[in-house]
Amino acid sequence: MAKVTKDMIISDILKLDRGTIPILLNSGMHCLGCPSSSGESLEDACEIHGIDVDQLVVELNNFLAAKA
């Protein structure tokens, strides 16, 4: 099973499973299609948007685990 880490690039997370999109959007990360998402780590994006990266990683991994 694939796992999300905070050092992953956002576009790589989206490639893992498109079902992660609503989780990211609901967390406040509304820039998934912007050019930064193809080169920015989840941790960097969370810092910019004031989001708790550790909590978001847990949510994303719980979603992926539930699909396994």
PDB file of N, CA and C in Angstrom:
ATOM      1  N   MET A   1       0.840  -1.184   0.000  1.00  0.00           N
ATOM      2  CA  MET A   1       0.000   0.000   0.000  1.00  0.00           C
ATOM      3  C   MET A   1       0.884   1.246   0.000  1.00  0.00           C
ATOM      4  N   ALA A   2       0.534   2.186  -0.843  1.00  0.00           N
ATOM      5  CA  ALA A   2       1.250   3.461  -0.899  1.00  0.00           C
ATOM      6  C   ALA A   2       0.939   4.267   0.356  1.00  0.00           C
ATOM      7  N   LYS A   3       1.934   5.013   0.802  1.00  0.00           N
ATOM      8  CA  LYS A   3       1.767   5.874   1.969  1.00  0.00           C
ATOM      9  C   LYS A   3       2.213   7.274   1.638  1.00  0.00           C
ATOM     10  N   VAL A   4       1.497   8.243   2.167  1.00  0.00           N
ATOM     11  CA  VAL A   4       1.838   9.646   1.997  1.00  0.00           C
ATOM     12  C   VAL A   4       2.806  10.048   3.100  1.00  0.00           C
ATOM     13  N   THR A   5       3.824  10.804   2.723  1.00  0.00           N
ATOM     14  CA  THR A   5       4.749  11.393   3.695  1.00  0.00           C
ATOM     15  C   THR A   5       4.765  12.893   3.474  1.00  0.00           C
ATOM     16  N   LYS A   6       5.167  13.624   4.492  1.00  0.00           N
ATOM     17  CA  LYS A   6       5.118  15.078   4.377  1.00  0.00           C
ATOM     18  C   LYS A   6       6.137  15.646   3.403  1.00  0.00           C
ATOM     19  N   ASP A   7       7.126  14.849   3.008  1.00  0.00           N
ATOM     20  CA  ASP A   7       8.102  15.346   2.042  1.00  0.00           C
ATOM     21  C   ASP A   7       7.724  15.026   0.595  1.00  0.00           C
ATOM     22  N   MET A   8       6.556  14.384   0.398  1.00  0.00           N
ATOM     23  CA  MET A   8       6.098  14.070  -0.959  1.00  0.00           C
ATOM     24  C   MET A   8       5.649  15.328  -1.684  1.00  0.00           C
ATOM     25  N   ILE A   9       5.865  15.327  -2.990  1.00  0.00           N
ATOM     26  CA  ILE A   9       5.388  16.416  -3.837  1.00  0.00           C
ATOM     27  C   ILE A   9       3.877  16.252  -4.012  1.00  0.00           C
ATOM     28  N   ILE A  10       3.161  17.352  -3.966  1.00  0.00           N
ATOM     29  CA  ILE A  10       1.697  17.302  -4.015  1.00  0.00           C
ATOM     30  C   ILE A  10       1.208  16.564  -5.255  1.00  0.00           C
ATOM     31  N   SER A  11       1.791  16.836  -6.402  1.00  0.00           N
ATOM     32  CA  SER A  11       1.333  16.167  -7.626  1.00  0.00           C
ATOM     33  C   SER A  11       1.522  14.652  -7.537  1.00  0.00           C
ATOM     34  N   ASP A  12       2.537  14.193  -6.803  1.00  0.00           N
ATOM     35  CA  ASP A  12       2.740  12.748  -6.623  1.00  0.00           C
ATOM     36  C   ASP A  12       1.655  12.148  -5.736  1.00  0.00           C
ATOM     37  N   ILE A  13       1.187  12.913  -4.770  1.00  0.00           N
ATOM     38  CA  ILE A  13       0.085  12.453  -3.915  1.00  0.00           C
ATOM     39  C   ILE A  13      -1.179  12.301  -4.764  1.00  0.00           C
ATOM     40  N   LEU A  14      -1.425  13.265  -5.635  1.00  0.00           N
ATOM     41  CA  LEU A  14      -2.597  13.202  -6.500  1.00  0.00           C
ATOM     42  C   LEU A  14      -2.523  12.003  -7.445  1.00  0.00           C
ATOM     43  N   LYS A  15      -1.322  11.652  -7.869  1.00  0.00           N
ATOM     44  CA  LYS A  15      -1.141  10.492  -8.752  1.00  0.00           C
ATOM     45  C   LYS A  15      -1.403   9.178  -8.018  1.00  0.00           C
ATOM     46  N   LEU A  16      -1.146   9.155  -6.717  1.00  0.00           N
ATOM     47  CA  LEU A  16      -1.415   7.943  -5.931  1.00  0.00           C
ATOM     48  C   LEU A  16      -2.889   7.577  -6.005  1.00  0.00           C
ATOM     49  N   ASP A  17      -3.733   8.573  -5.800  1.00  0.00           N
ATOM     50  CA  ASP A  17      -5.175   8.336  -5.796  1.00  0.00           C
ATOM     51  C   ASP A  17      -5.878   9.683  -5.917  1.00  0.00           C
ATOM     52  N   ARG A  18      -6.694   9.821  -6.933  1.00  0.00           N
ATOM     53  CA  ARG A  18      -7.416  11.084  -7.148  1.00  0.00           C
ATOM     54  C   ARG A  18      -8.425  11.345  -6.021  1.00  0.00           C
ATOM     55  N   GLY A  19      -8.731  10.342  -5.244  1.00  0.00           N
ATOM     56  CA  GLY A  19      -9.621  10.506  -4.108  1.00  0.00           C
ATOM     57  C   GLY A  19      -9.029  11.366  -3.005  1.00  0.00           C
ATOM     58  N   THR A  20      -7.734  11.657  -3.107  1.00  0.00           N
ATOM     59  CA  THR A  20      -7.101  12.535  -2.118  1.00  0.00           C
ATOM     60  C   THR A  20      -7.470  14.002  -2.353  1.00  0.00           C
ATOM     61  N   ILE A  21      -7.991  14.310  -3.528  1.00  0.00           N
ATOM     62  CA  ILE A  21      -8.307  15.704  -3.858  1.00  0.00           C
ATOM     63  C   ILE A  21      -9.284  16.325  -2.859  1.00  0.00           C
ATOM     64  N   PRO A  22     -10.431  15.691  -2.564  1.00  0.00           N
ATOM     65  CA  PRO A  22     -11.350  16.319  -1.602  1.00  0.00           C
ATOM     66  C   PRO A  22     -10.731  16.510  -0.220  1.00  0.00           C
ATOM     67  N   ILE A  23      -9.880  15.605   0.193  1.00  0.00           N
ATOM     68  CA  ILE A  23      -9.230  15.731   1.503  1.00  0.00           C
ATOM     69  C   ILE A  23      -8.345  16.969   1.516  1.00  0.00           C
ATOM     70  N   LEU A  24      -7.564  17.142   0.466  1.00  0.00           N
ATOM     71  CA  LEU A  24      -6.682  18.305   0.377  1.00  0.00           C
ATOM     72  C   LEU A  24      -7.488  19.599   0.285  1.00  0.00           C
ATOM     73  N   LEU A  25      -8.535  19.597  -0.534  1.00  0.00           N
ATOM     74  CA  LEU A  25      -9.373  20.791  -0.661  1.00  0.00           C
ATOM     75  C   LEU A  25     -10.049  21.135   0.660  1.00  0.00           C
ATOM     76  N   ASN A  26     -10.592  20.133   1.345  1.00  0.00           N
ATOM     77  CA  ASN A  26     -11.278  20.373   2.617  1.00  0.00           C
ATOM     78  C   ASN A  26     -10.334  20.857   3.706  1.00  0.00           C
ATOM     79  N   SER A  27      -9.050  20.541   3.570  1.00  0.00           N
ATOM     80  CA  SER A  27      -8.081  20.990   4.565  1.00  0.00           C
ATOM     81  C   SER A  27      -7.708  22.459   4.360  1.00  0.00           C
ATOM     82  N   GLY A  28      -8.090  23.014   3.209  1.00  0.00           N
ATOM     83  CA  GLY A  28      -7.769  24.413   2.924  1.00  0.00           C
ATOM     84  C   GLY A  28      -6.736  24.592   1.827  1.00  0.00           C
ATOM     85  N   MET A  29      -6.350  23.508   1.211  1.00  0.00           N
ATOM     86  CA  MET A  29      -5.351  23.571   0.144  1.00  0.00           C
ATOM     87  C   MET A  29      -6.086  23.624  -1.196  1.00  0.00           C
ATOM     88  N   HIS A  30      -6.334  24.841  -1.677  1.00  0.00           N
ATOM     89  CA  HIS A  30      -7.145  25.041  -2.877  1.00  0.00           C
ATOM     90  C   HIS A  30      -6.315  25.284  -4.130  1.00  0.00           C
ATOM     91  N   CYS A  31      -5.036  25.038  -4.066  1.00  0.00           N
ATOM     92  CA  CYS A  31      -4.157  25.348  -5.194  1.00  0.00           C
ATOM     93  C   CYS A  31      -3.607  24.079  -5.841  1.00  0.00           C
ATOM     94  N   LEU A  32      -4.391  23.044  -5.900  1.00  0.00           N
ATOM     95  CA  LEU A  32      -3.900  21.755  -6.391  1.00  0.00           C
ATOM     96  C   LEU A  32      -3.504  21.788  -7.858  1.00  0.00           C
ATOM     97  N   GLY A  33      -4.077  22.684  -8.620  1.00  0.00           N
ATOM     98  CA  GLY A  33      -3.749  22.769 -10.035  1.00  0.00           C
ATOM     99  C   GLY A  33      -2.702  23.809 -10.365  1.00  0.00           C
ATOM    100  N   CYS A  34      -2.233  24.539  -9.367  1.00  0.00           N
ATOM    101  CA  CYS A  34      -1.259  25.597  -9.649  1.00  0.00           C
ATOM    102  C   CYS A  34       0.117  24.987  -9.918  1.00  0.00           C
ATOM    103  N   PRO A  35       0.964  25.711 -10.621  1.00  0.00           N
ATOM    104  CA  PRO A  35       2.291  25.176 -10.950  1.00  0.00           C
ATOM    105  C   PRO A  35       3.115  24.754  -9.732  1.00  0.00           C
ATOM    106  N   SER A  36       2.910  25.393  -8.601  1.00  0.00           N
ATOM    107  CA  SER A  36       3.679  25.043  -7.401  1.00  0.00           C
ATOM    108  C   SER A  36       3.416  23.615  -6.954  1.00  0.00           C
ATOM    109  N   SER A  37       2.227  23.094  -7.239  1.00  0.00           N
ATOM    110  CA  SER A  37       1.895  21.755  -6.758  1.00  0.00           C
ATOM    111  C   SER A  37       2.753  20.674  -7.411  1.00  0.00           C
ATOM    112  N   SER A  38       3.367  20.989  -8.536  1.00  0.00           N
ATOM    113  CA  SER A  38       4.205  19.982  -9.195  1.00  0.00           C
ATOM    114  C   SER A  38       5.638  20.012  -8.682  1.00  0.00           C
ATOM    115  N   GLY A  39       5.961  20.956  -7.813  1.00  0.00           N
ATOM    116  CA  GLY A  39       7.312  21.004  -7.283  1.00  0.00           C
ATOM    117  C   GLY A  39       7.385  21.281  -5.799  1.00  0.00           C
ATOM    118  N   GLU A  40       6.247  21.385  -5.163  1.00  0.00           N
ATOM    119  CA  GLU A  40       6.191  21.761  -3.755  1.00  0.00           C
ATOM    120  C   GLU A  40       5.841  20.549  -2.906  1.00  0.00           C
ATOM    121  N   SER A  41       6.551  20.375  -1.801  1.00  0.00           N
ATOM    122  CA  SER A  41       6.240  19.256  -0.907  1.00  0.00           C
ATOM    123  C   SER A  41       4.963  19.569  -0.124  1.00  0.00           C
ATOM    124  N   LEU A  42       4.352  18.531   0.374  1.00  0.00           N
ATOM    125  CA  LEU A  42       3.158  18.694   1.194  1.00  0.00           C
ATOM    126  C   LEU A  42       3.476  19.554   2.411  1.00  0.00           C
ATOM    127  N   GLU A  43       4.634  19.323   3.003  1.00  0.00           N
ATOM    128  CA  GLU A  43       5.030  20.097   4.185  1.00  0.00           C
ATOM    129  C   GLU A  43       5.166  21.581   3.857  1.00  0.00           C
ATOM    130  N   ASP A  44       5.794  21.895   2.737  1.00  0.00           N
ATOM    131  CA  ASP A  44       5.955  23.303   2.337  1.00  0.00           C
ATOM    132  C   ASP A  44       4.602  23.957   2.091  1.00  0.00           C
ATOM    133  N   ALA A  45       3.721  23.250   1.388  1.00  0.00           N
ATOM    134  CA  ALA A  45       2.397  23.801   1.085  1.00  0.00           C
ATOM    135  C   ALA A  45       1.591  24.011   2.370  1.00  0.00           C
ATOM    136  N   CYS A  46       1.680  23.069   3.288  1.00  0.00           N
ATOM    137  CA  CYS A  46       0.965  23.201   4.554  1.00  0.00           C
ATOM    138  C   CYS A  46       1.472  24.391   5.351  1.00  0.00           C
ATOM    139  N   GLU A  47       2.768  24.596   5.321  1.00  0.00           N
ATOM    140  CA  GLU A  47       3.341  25.735   6.040  1.00  0.00           C
ATOM    141  C   GLU A  47       2.821  27.050   5.465  1.00  0.00           C
ATOM    142  N   ILE A  48       2.761  27.136   4.156  1.00  0.00           N
ATOM    143  CA  ILE A  48       2.283  28.353   3.496  1.00  0.00           C
ATOM    144  C   ILE A  48       0.810  28.606   3.808  1.00  0.00           C
ATOM    145  N   HIS A  49       0.013  27.526   3.866  1.00  0.00           N
ATOM    146  CA  HIS A  49      -1.425  27.655   4.068  1.00  0.00           C
ATOM    147  C   HIS A  49      -1.849  27.550   5.530  1.00  0.00           C
ATOM    148  N   GLY A  50      -0.900  27.376   6.445  1.00  0.00           N
ATOM    149  CA  GLY A  50      -1.234  27.306   7.866  1.00  0.00           C
ATOM    150  C   GLY A  50      -1.982  26.043   8.249  1.00  0.00           C
ATOM    151  N   ILE A  51      -1.607  24.923   7.613  1.00  0.00           N
ATOM    152  CA  ILE A  51      -2.271  23.637   7.841  1.00  0.00           C
ATOM    153  C   ILE A  51      -1.332  22.720   8.618  1.00  0.00           C
ATOM    154  N   ASP A  52      -1.879  21.953   9.542  1.00  0.00           N
ATOM    155  CA  ASP A  52      -1.091  20.986  10.314  1.00  0.00           C
ATOM    156  C   ASP A  52      -0.744  19.801   9.414  1.00  0.00           C
ATOM    157  N   VAL A  53       0.508  19.729   8.975  1.00  0.00           N
ATOM    158  CA  VAL A  53       0.932  18.703   8.022  1.00  0.00           C
ATOM    159  C   VAL A  53       0.794  17.297   8.599  1.00  0.00           C
ATOM    160  N   ASP A  54       1.103  17.125   9.872  1.00  0.00           N
ATOM    161  CA  ASP A  54       1.030  15.791  10.477  1.00  0.00           C
ATOM    162  C   ASP A  54      -0.405  15.268  10.485  1.00  0.00           C
ATOM    163  N   GLN A  55      -1.351  16.126  10.803  1.00  0.00           N
ATOM    164  CA  GLN A  55      -2.765  15.730  10.808  1.00  0.00           C
ATOM    165  C   GLN A  55      -3.221  15.399   9.389  1.00  0.00           C
ATOM    166  N   LEU A  56      -2.791  16.192   8.422  1.00  0.00           N
ATOM    167  CA  LEU A  56      -3.184  15.948   7.036  1.00  0.00           C
ATOM    168  C   LEU A  56      -2.609  14.630   6.519  1.00  0.00           C
ATOM    169  N   VAL A  57      -1.380  14.326   6.882  1.00  0.00           N
ATOM    170  CA  VAL A  57      -0.765  13.049   6.487  1.00  0.00           C
ATOM    171  C   VAL A  57      -1.577  11.884   7.063  1.00  0.00           C
ATOM    172  N   VAL A  58      -2.004  11.999   8.312  1.00  0.00           N
ATOM    173  CA  VAL A  58      -2.824  10.953   8.934  1.00  0.00           C
ATOM    174  C   VAL A  58      -4.133  10.776   8.159  1.00  0.00           C
ATOM    175  N   GLU A  59      -4.791  11.879   7.837  1.00  0.00           N
ATOM    176  CA  GLU A  59      -6.057  11.800   7.105  1.00  0.00           C
ATOM    177  C   GLU A  59      -5.871  11.146   5.737  1.00  0.00           C
ATOM    178  N   LEU A  60      -4.834  11.549   5.023  1.00  0.00           N
ATOM    179  CA  LEU A  60      -4.573  10.994   3.694  1.00  0.00           C
ATOM    180  C   LEU A  60      -4.263   9.500   3.785  1.00  0.00           C
ATOM    181  N   ASN A  61      -3.437   9.111   4.750  1.00  0.00           N
ATOM    182  CA  ASN A  61      -3.084   7.706   4.889  1.00  0.00           C
ATOM    183  C   ASN A  61      -4.261   6.863   5.373  1.00  0.00           C
ATOM    184  N   ASN A  62      -5.118   7.426   6.211  1.00  0.00           N
ATOM    185  CA  ASN A  62      -6.322   6.704   6.625  1.00  0.00           C
ATOM    186  C   ASN A  62      -7.222   6.438   5.419  1.00  0.00           C
ATOM    187  N   PHE A  63      -7.332   7.426   4.547  1.00  0.00           N
ATOM    188  CA  PHE A  63      -8.135   7.256   3.330  1.00  0.00           C
ATOM    189  C   PHE A  63      -7.553   6.138   2.463  1.00  0.00           C
ATOM    190  N   LEU A  64      -6.245   6.175   2.251  1.00  0.00           N
ATOM    191  CA  LEU A  64      -5.596   5.162   1.410  1.00  0.00           C
ATOM    192  C   LEU A  64      -5.701   3.770   2.036  1.00  0.00           C
ATOM    193  N   ALA A  65      -5.565   3.681   3.354  1.00  0.00           N
ATOM    194  CA  ALA A  65      -5.649   2.399   4.043  1.00  0.00           C
ATOM    195  C   ALA A  65      -7.051   1.800   3.935  1.00  0.00           C
ATOM    196  N   ALA A  66      -8.058   2.660   3.987  1.00  0.00           N
ATOM    197  CA  ALA A  66      -9.439   2.189   3.907  1.00  0.00           C
ATOM    198  C   ALA A  66      -9.756   1.602   2.538  1.00  0.00           C
ATOM    199  N   LYS A  67      -9.018   2.009   1.529  1.00  0.00           N
ATOM    200  CA  LYS A  67      -9.239   1.503   0.170  1.00  0.00           C
ATOM    201  C   LYS A  67      -8.492   0.212  -0.090  1.00  0.00           C
ATOM    202  N   ALA A  68      -7.523  -0.107   0.764  1.00  0.00           N
ATOM    203  CA  ALA A  68      -6.675  -1.293   0.523  1.00  0.00           C
ATOM    204  C   ALA A  68      -7.410  -2.579   0.815  1.00  0.00           C
TER     205      ALA A  68
END
